[in-house]
């Protein structure tokens, strides 16, 4: 496509629709992904996205419709049931959470592939294209799909804002919240359900295989720049939105560039830059600091303190909001 991003945004209807949809998905996934990252549940995004695949196939099998709301509902149901399965396994057995998530990911994804294979061998051609949910196909986004993402995503972010105090306690001190009489189990279920919504809304854009990267990458990048949970959530949402819009534009620059992988590559690039250049935590910043320390020692200036990340960093992150 000739011209820059802004001219293309005003002249290309497809870019506007895809860019808005991808940006909304990125903002929602990035914001909610912060809590998965802080709770050390980054694998949850991968597990839920894979668990959503059989829901997509079952929704089509039962209704015969490829309408996005129908498929999203099916994906949300199996994704949510998958998270309930993980919670039940962890609570009633000695299997650790990461192992339960691995079981969920592999079993549900296998069931989804079997169902997709069965559908593709069916007598009708209406089911053709369901396999695009594996890697995403943002070019198929319609205006009504974007409206669905914006409306459900807005409700999810509103619920997050209304339960901000409780989800903060869940992320940093679940036991204290329980002592205060807050039903932390319900808060956990709410936060997990919101994450499920974010993931299933992004499947059409990014796909089952790559959706977990859009959940984790903006949050990981934002974490390098701030110690405030509120600023981290806002920054992660902004980075996710930027990756979504930028990836949509990158996919128009050449033939055959898929939007989903372009979004993920752009988000991963932001993570790399953040790890290198972020103040205090960046690799380059750390090297500069160490050189300054050596220079002071060589000049006989004593042993200056070297600020570093203390063991209670996660607690400090939640204390500034």
Protein backbone atom coordinates (compact mmCIF):
# COMPACT_ATOMS: atom_id res chain seq x y z
CA UNK A 1 0.00 0.00 0.00
CA UNK A 2 1.33 3.43 -0.96
CA UNK A 3 1.56 6.27 1.51
CA UNK A 4 1.89 6.31 5.24
CA UNK A 5 -0.28 5.02 8.01
CA UNK A 6 -2.54 8.05 8.47
CA UNK A 7 -3.40 8.46 4.77
CA UNK A 8 -4.16 4.75 4.55
CA UNK A 9 -6.31 4.95 7.67
CA UNK A 10 -8.52 7.61 6.07
CA UNK A 11 -8.70 6.02 2.61
CA UNK A 12 -8.84 2.28 3.31
CA UNK A 13 -12.07 1.04 4.90
CA UNK A 14 -10.68 -2.44 5.53
CA UNK A 15 -7.68 -1.05 7.39
CA UNK A 16 -9.94 1.08 9.56
CA UNK A 17 -12.12 -1.87 10.52
CA UNK A 18 -9.27 -4.32 11.05
CA UNK A 19 -7.11 -1.74 12.84
CA UNK A 20 -9.91 -0.74 15.21
CA UNK A 21 -10.77 -4.36 15.97
CA UNK A 22 -7.15 -5.42 16.48
CA UNK A 23 -6.47 -2.35 18.61
CA UNK A 24 -9.47 -3.06 20.83
CA UNK A 25 -8.42 -6.70 21.25
CA UNK A 26 -4.86 -5.64 22.07
CA UNK A 27 -5.99 -3.09 24.65
CA UNK A 28 -8.30 -5.56 26.39
CA UNK A 29 -5.80 -8.44 26.35
CA UNK A 30 -2.94 -6.24 27.50
CA UNK A 31 -4.88 -4.75 30.41
CA UNK A 32 -6.17 -8.06 31.75
CA UNK A 33 -2.92 -9.84 30.96
CA UNK A 34 -1.23 -7.81 33.70
CA UNK A 35 -3.00 -9.85 36.34
CA UNK A 36 -2.12 -13.15 34.67
CA UNK A 37 1.52 -12.03 34.62
CA UNK A 38 1.59 -10.84 38.23
CA UNK A 39 -0.12 -14.01 39.47
CA UNK A 40 2.38 -16.11 37.51
CA UNK A 41 -0.41 -17.52 35.35
CA UNK A 42 0.99 -16.58 31.96
CA UNK A 43 0.25 -20.11 30.73
CA UNK A 44 -3.43 -19.51 31.46
CA UNK A 45 -3.84 -17.44 28.30
CA UNK A 46 -2.38 -20.22 26.19
CA UNK A 47 -4.53 -22.85 27.89
CA UNK A 48 -7.77 -20.88 27.54
CA UNK A 49 -7.18 -20.04 23.88
CA UNK A 50 -6.58 -23.71 23.08
CA UNK A 51 -9.56 -24.75 25.20
CA UNK A 52 -11.74 -22.41 23.14
CA UNK A 53 -11.14 -24.33 19.92
CA UNK A 54 -13.57 -27.21 20.60
CA UNK A 55 -16.18 -24.62 21.60
CA UNK A 56 -15.93 -23.02 18.15
CA UNK A 57 -16.36 -26.39 16.44
CA UNK A 58 -19.25 -27.44 18.71
CA UNK A 59 -21.03 -24.10 18.24
CA UNK A 60 -21.00 -24.59 14.48
CA UNK A 61 -21.91 -28.28 14.78
CA UNK A 62 -24.98 -27.50 16.90
CA UNK A 63 -26.19 -24.36 15.12
CA UNK A 64 -24.78 -24.58 11.59
CA UNK A 65 -23.94 -20.87 11.82
CA UNK A 66 -20.58 -19.17 11.30
CA UNK A 67 -21.81 -15.91 12.83
CA UNK A 68 -19.13 -14.46 15.07
CA UNK A 69 -21.35 -14.07 18.19
CA UNK A 70 -22.31 -17.75 17.98
CA UNK A 71 -18.72 -18.95 17.64
CA UNK A 72 -17.50 -16.57 20.35
CA UNK A 73 -20.17 -17.87 22.72
CA UNK A 74 -19.11 -21.46 22.08
CA UNK A 75 -15.44 -20.55 22.57
CA UNK A 76 -16.22 -18.69 25.80
CA UNK A 77 -18.17 -21.62 27.23
CA UNK A 78 -15.44 -24.21 26.68
CA UNK A 79 -12.72 -21.77 27.71
CA UNK A 80 -14.57 -20.99 30.92
CA UNK A 81 -15.27 -24.67 31.61
CA UNK A 82 -11.58 -25.33 31.07
CA UNK A 83 -10.60 -22.80 33.72
CA UNK A 84 -13.11 -24.34 36.14
CA UNK A 85 -11.50 -27.70 35.43
CA UNK A 86 -8.07 -26.33 36.31
CA UNK A 87 -9.36 -24.76 39.54
CA UNK A 88 -11.03 -28.03 40.56
CA UNK A 89 -7.94 -30.10 39.82
CA UNK A 90 -5.66 -27.77 41.79
CA UNK A 91 -8.08 -27.60 44.73
CA UNK A 92 -8.86 -31.29 45.05
CA UNK A 93 -5.58 -32.92 44.06
CA UNK A 94 -1.87 -32.56 44.47
CA UNK A 95 -1.34 -31.66 40.81
CA UNK A 96 0.29 -28.19 40.57
CA UNK A 97 -1.39 -25.45 38.57
CA UNK A 98 1.11 -25.42 35.71
CA UNK A 99 0.63 -29.16 35.19
CA UNK A 100 -3.17 -28.76 35.25
CA UNK A 101 -2.91 -25.98 32.67
CA UNK A 102 -0.73 -28.19 30.48
CA UNK A 103 -3.29 -30.99 30.66
CA UNK A 104 -6.11 -28.58 29.79
CA UNK A 105 -4.17 -27.14 26.85
CA UNK A 106 -3.30 -30.47 25.25
CA UNK A 107 -6.58 -32.31 25.85
CA UNK A 108 -8.94 -29.54 24.75
CA UNK A 109 -6.78 -28.64 21.75
CA UNK A 110 -6.72 -32.28 20.67
CA UNK A 111 -10.51 -32.47 20.94
CA UNK A 112 -10.81 -29.28 18.93
CA UNK A 113 -8.60 -30.58 16.12
CA UNK A 114 -10.60 -33.82 15.96
CA UNK A 115 -13.86 -31.87 15.71
CA UNK A 116 -12.46 -29.55 13.03
CA UNK A 117 -11.27 -32.54 11.00
CA UNK A 118 -14.72 -34.13 11.29
CA UNK A 119 -16.43 -30.92 10.16
CA UNK A 120 -14.10 -30.37 7.22
CA UNK A 121 -15.02 -33.81 5.93
CA UNK A 122 -18.73 -33.05 6.13
CA UNK A 123 -21.03 -32.94 3.11
CA UNK A 124 -21.49 -29.16 3.09
CA UNK A 125 -19.00 -26.40 2.35
CA UNK A 126 -20.39 -23.95 4.89
CA UNK A 127 -17.88 -25.00 7.53
CA UNK A 128 -14.90 -24.08 5.32
CA UNK A 129 -12.78 -21.50 7.07
CA UNK A 130 -13.26 -22.61 10.66
CA UNK A 131 -9.60 -23.63 10.75
CA UNK A 132 -8.64 -19.97 10.30
CA UNK A 133 -9.22 -19.62 14.03
CA UNK A 134 -5.98 -21.57 14.52
CA UNK A 135 -3.85 -18.67 13.29
CA UNK A 136 -6.42 -15.90 12.99
CA UNK A 137 -7.67 -14.04 9.96
CA UNK A 138 -8.14 -10.40 10.84
CA UNK A 139 -9.06 -9.52 7.27
CA UNK A 140 -12.42 -11.23 7.80
CA UNK A 141 -13.40 -8.78 10.57
CA UNK A 142 -16.64 -6.95 9.85
CA UNK A 143 -18.05 -3.81 11.40
CA UNK A 144 -20.43 -5.87 13.54
CA UNK A 145 -17.49 -7.94 14.79
CA UNK A 146 -15.69 -4.79 15.88
CA UNK A 147 -18.84 -3.55 17.63
CA UNK A 148 -19.03 -6.89 19.48
CA UNK A 149 -15.39 -6.58 20.59
CA UNK A 150 -15.84 -2.98 21.70
CA UNK A 151 -19.05 -3.64 23.62
CA UNK A 152 -17.98 -6.82 25.42
CA UNK A 153 -14.49 -5.46 25.97
CA UNK A 154 -15.92 -2.27 27.44
CA UNK A 155 -18.08 -4.26 29.84
CA UNK A 156 -15.06 -6.37 30.88
CA UNK A 157 -12.94 -3.29 31.60
CA UNK A 158 -15.82 -1.68 33.50
CA UNK A 159 -16.14 -4.75 35.72
CA UNK A 160 -12.38 -4.65 36.27
CA UNK A 161 -12.58 -1.02 37.35
CA UNK A 162 -15.53 -1.66 39.69
CA UNK A 163 -13.71 -4.55 41.39
CA UNK A 164 -10.28 -2.87 41.39
CA UNK A 165 -9.70 -3.15 45.13
CA UNK A 166 -10.57 -6.84 45.21
CA UNK A 167 -8.51 -7.83 42.17
CA UNK A 168 -5.52 -5.98 43.62
CA UNK A 169 -5.78 -8.03 46.77
CA UNK A 170 -6.13 -11.18 44.70
CA UNK A 171 -2.95 -10.34 42.79
CA UNK A 172 -0.81 -9.42 45.80
CA UNK A 173 -2.26 -10.71 49.07
CA UNK A 174 -5.10 -13.16 48.63
CA UNK A 175 -4.90 -14.34 52.24
CA UNK A 176 -5.30 -10.81 53.60
CA UNK A 177 -8.38 -10.32 51.45
CA UNK A 178 -9.85 -13.55 52.76
CA UNK A 179 -9.24 -12.41 56.35
CA UNK A 180 -11.04 -9.15 55.53
CA UNK A 181 -14.13 -11.15 54.59
CA UNK A 182 -13.81 -10.70 50.82
CA UNK A 183 -14.90 -13.80 48.87
CA UNK A 184 -11.60 -14.25 47.07
CA UNK A 185 -12.79 -17.38 45.31
CA UNK A 186 -15.50 -15.37 43.56
CA UNK A 187 -13.03 -12.59 42.74
CA UNK A 188 -10.69 -15.18 41.24
CA UNK A 189 -13.54 -16.58 39.14
CA UNK A 190 -14.52 -13.08 38.00
CA UNK A 191 -10.98 -12.13 36.97
CA UNK A 192 -10.47 -15.44 35.18
CA UNK A 193 -13.79 -15.02 33.38
CA UNK A 194 -12.78 -11.55 32.20
CA UNK A 195 -9.54 -12.97 30.87
CA UNK A 196 -11.50 -15.67 29.05
CA UNK A 197 -13.61 -12.96 27.41
CA UNK A 198 -10.49 -11.10 26.28
CA UNK A 199 -8.98 -14.25 24.80
CA UNK A 200 -12.02 -15.49 22.90
CA UNK A 201 -12.63 -12.02 21.44
CA UNK A 202 -9.13 -12.09 19.99
CA UNK A 203 -9.25 -15.53 18.40
CA UNK A 204 -10.57 -14.30 15.07
CA UNK A 205 -7.85 -11.65 14.89
CA UNK A 206 -4.77 -13.39 16.29
CA UNK A 207 -5.76 -17.06 16.44
CA UNK A 208 -5.63 -19.87 18.99
CA UNK A 209 -1.90 -20.48 18.63
CA UNK A 210 -0.71 -16.89 19.03
CA UNK A 211 -3.31 -15.35 21.34
CA UNK A 212 -1.33 -16.05 24.51
CA UNK A 213 1.49 -13.82 23.24
CA UNK A 214 -0.89 -10.86 22.99
CA UNK A 215 -1.97 -11.48 26.59
CA UNK A 216 1.55 -11.70 28.02
CA UNK A 217 3.73 -9.44 25.84
CA UNK A 218 2.14 -6.01 26.53
CA UNK A 219 1.99 -6.76 30.26
CA UNK A 220 5.61 -7.92 30.33
CA UNK A 221 6.72 -4.79 28.50
CA UNK A 222 4.71 -2.46 30.73
CA UNK A 223 6.10 -4.10 33.85
CA UNK A 224 9.59 -2.94 32.91
CA UNK A 225 8.58 0.73 32.98
CA UNK A 226 6.59 1.21 36.19
CA UNK A 227 6.07 0.11 39.79
CA UNK A 228 2.41 1.21 39.86
CA UNK A 229 -0.27 -1.36 39.11
CA UNK A 230 -2.66 1.25 37.75
CA UNK A 231 -0.06 2.71 35.40
CA UNK A 232 1.01 -0.79 34.40
CA UNK A 233 -2.54 -1.75 33.37
CA UNK A 234 -3.02 1.49 31.40
CA UNK A 235 0.39 1.21 29.73
CA UNK A 236 -0.13 -2.46 28.86
CA UNK A 237 -3.49 -1.61 27.31
CA UNK A 238 -1.90 1.18 25.27
CA UNK A 239 0.95 -1.06 24.11
CA UNK A 240 -1.48 -3.82 23.19
CA UNK A 241 -3.64 -1.38 21.24
CA UNK A 242 -0.58 0.01 19.47
CA UNK A 243 0.61 -3.47 18.55
CA UNK A 244 -2.84 -4.33 17.20
CA UNK A 245 -3.15 -1.21 15.05
CA UNK A 246 0.48 -1.35 13.96
CA UNK A 247 0.25 -5.02 13.04
CA UNK A 248 -2.88 -4.36 11.00
CA UNK A 249 -1.05 -1.64 9.09
CA UNK A 250 2.08 -3.79 8.60
CA UNK A 251 -0.06 -6.50 7.03
CA UNK A 252 -1.08 -4.05 4.29
CA UNK A 253 2.50 -3.24 3.29
CA UNK A 254 3.05 -6.46 1.36
CA UNK A 255 1.12 -9.34 -0.13
CA UNK A 256 0.65 -12.36 2.08
CA UNK A 257 1.66 -10.77 5.41
CA UNK A 258 -0.80 -12.18 7.99
CA UNK A 259 -2.14 -9.73 10.53
CA UNK A 260 -2.01 -11.98 13.60
CA UNK A 261 1.70 -12.85 13.38
CA UNK A 262 2.50 -9.22 12.51
CA UNK A 263 0.74 -8.08 15.70
CA UNK A 264 2.59 -10.63 17.82
CA UNK A 265 5.97 -9.78 16.28
CA UNK A 266 5.39 -6.08 16.93
CA UNK A 267 4.37 -6.75 20.54
CA UNK A 268 7.43 -8.96 21.01
CA UNK A 269 9.62 -6.18 19.65
CA UNK A 270 8.18 -3.82 22.24
CA UNK A 271 9.08 -6.34 24.95
CA UNK A 272 12.65 -6.56 23.65
CA UNK A 273 13.04 -2.78 23.62
CA UNK A 274 11.57 -2.55 27.13
CA UNK A 275 13.95 -5.18 28.48
CA UNK A 276 16.89 -3.35 26.97
CA UNK A 277 16.04 0.30 27.55
CA UNK A 278 13.57 0.61 30.43
CA UNK A 279 14.88 2.79 33.28
CA UNK A 280 16.05 0.92 36.40
CA UNK A 281 15.24 -2.54 35.02
CA UNK A 282 16.64 -2.33 31.50
CA UNK A 283 19.82 -4.16 30.57
CA UNK A 284 21.42 -0.99 29.18
CA UNK A 285 20.46 0.99 32.28
CA UNK A 286 21.98 -1.70 34.47
CA UNK A 287 25.25 -1.61 32.54
CA UNK A 288 25.43 2.18 32.76
CA UNK A 289 24.78 2.01 36.48
CA UNK A 290 27.49 -0.57 36.97
CA UNK A 291 29.98 1.53 35.04
CA UNK A 292 29.19 4.52 37.21
CA UNK A 293 29.71 2.42 40.32
CA UNK A 294 33.09 1.20 39.06
CA UNK A 295 34.11 4.76 38.22
CA UNK A 296 33.22 5.94 41.72
CA UNK A 297 35.10 3.06 43.29
CA UNK A 298 38.13 3.78 41.13
CA UNK A 299 37.98 7.41 42.18
CA UNK A 300 37.94 6.39 45.85
CA UNK A 301 34.35 7.39 46.41
CA UNK A 302 33.52 4.45 48.66
CA UNK A 303 30.94 1.80 47.93
CA UNK A 304 27.77 3.51 46.78
CA UNK A 305 24.52 1.65 47.09
CA UNK A 306 23.33 -0.12 44.03
CA UNK A 307 19.55 -0.07 43.81
CA UNK A 308 18.16 -3.39 42.86
CA UNK A 309 14.83 -5.17 42.77
CA UNK A 310 13.99 -6.25 46.31
CA UNK A 311 12.22 -9.50 47.15
CA UNK A 312 9.00 -7.63 47.95
CA UNK A 313 8.72 -6.01 44.56
CA UNK A 314 5.25 -7.38 43.80
CA UNK A 315 3.98 -5.84 47.04
CA UNK A 316 5.45 -2.45 46.14
CA UNK A 317 3.79 -2.67 42.74
CA UNK A 318 0.39 -2.79 44.35
CA UNK A 319 1.05 -0.15 46.95
CA UNK A 320 1.13 2.94 44.77
CA UNK A 321 -2.46 2.92 43.51
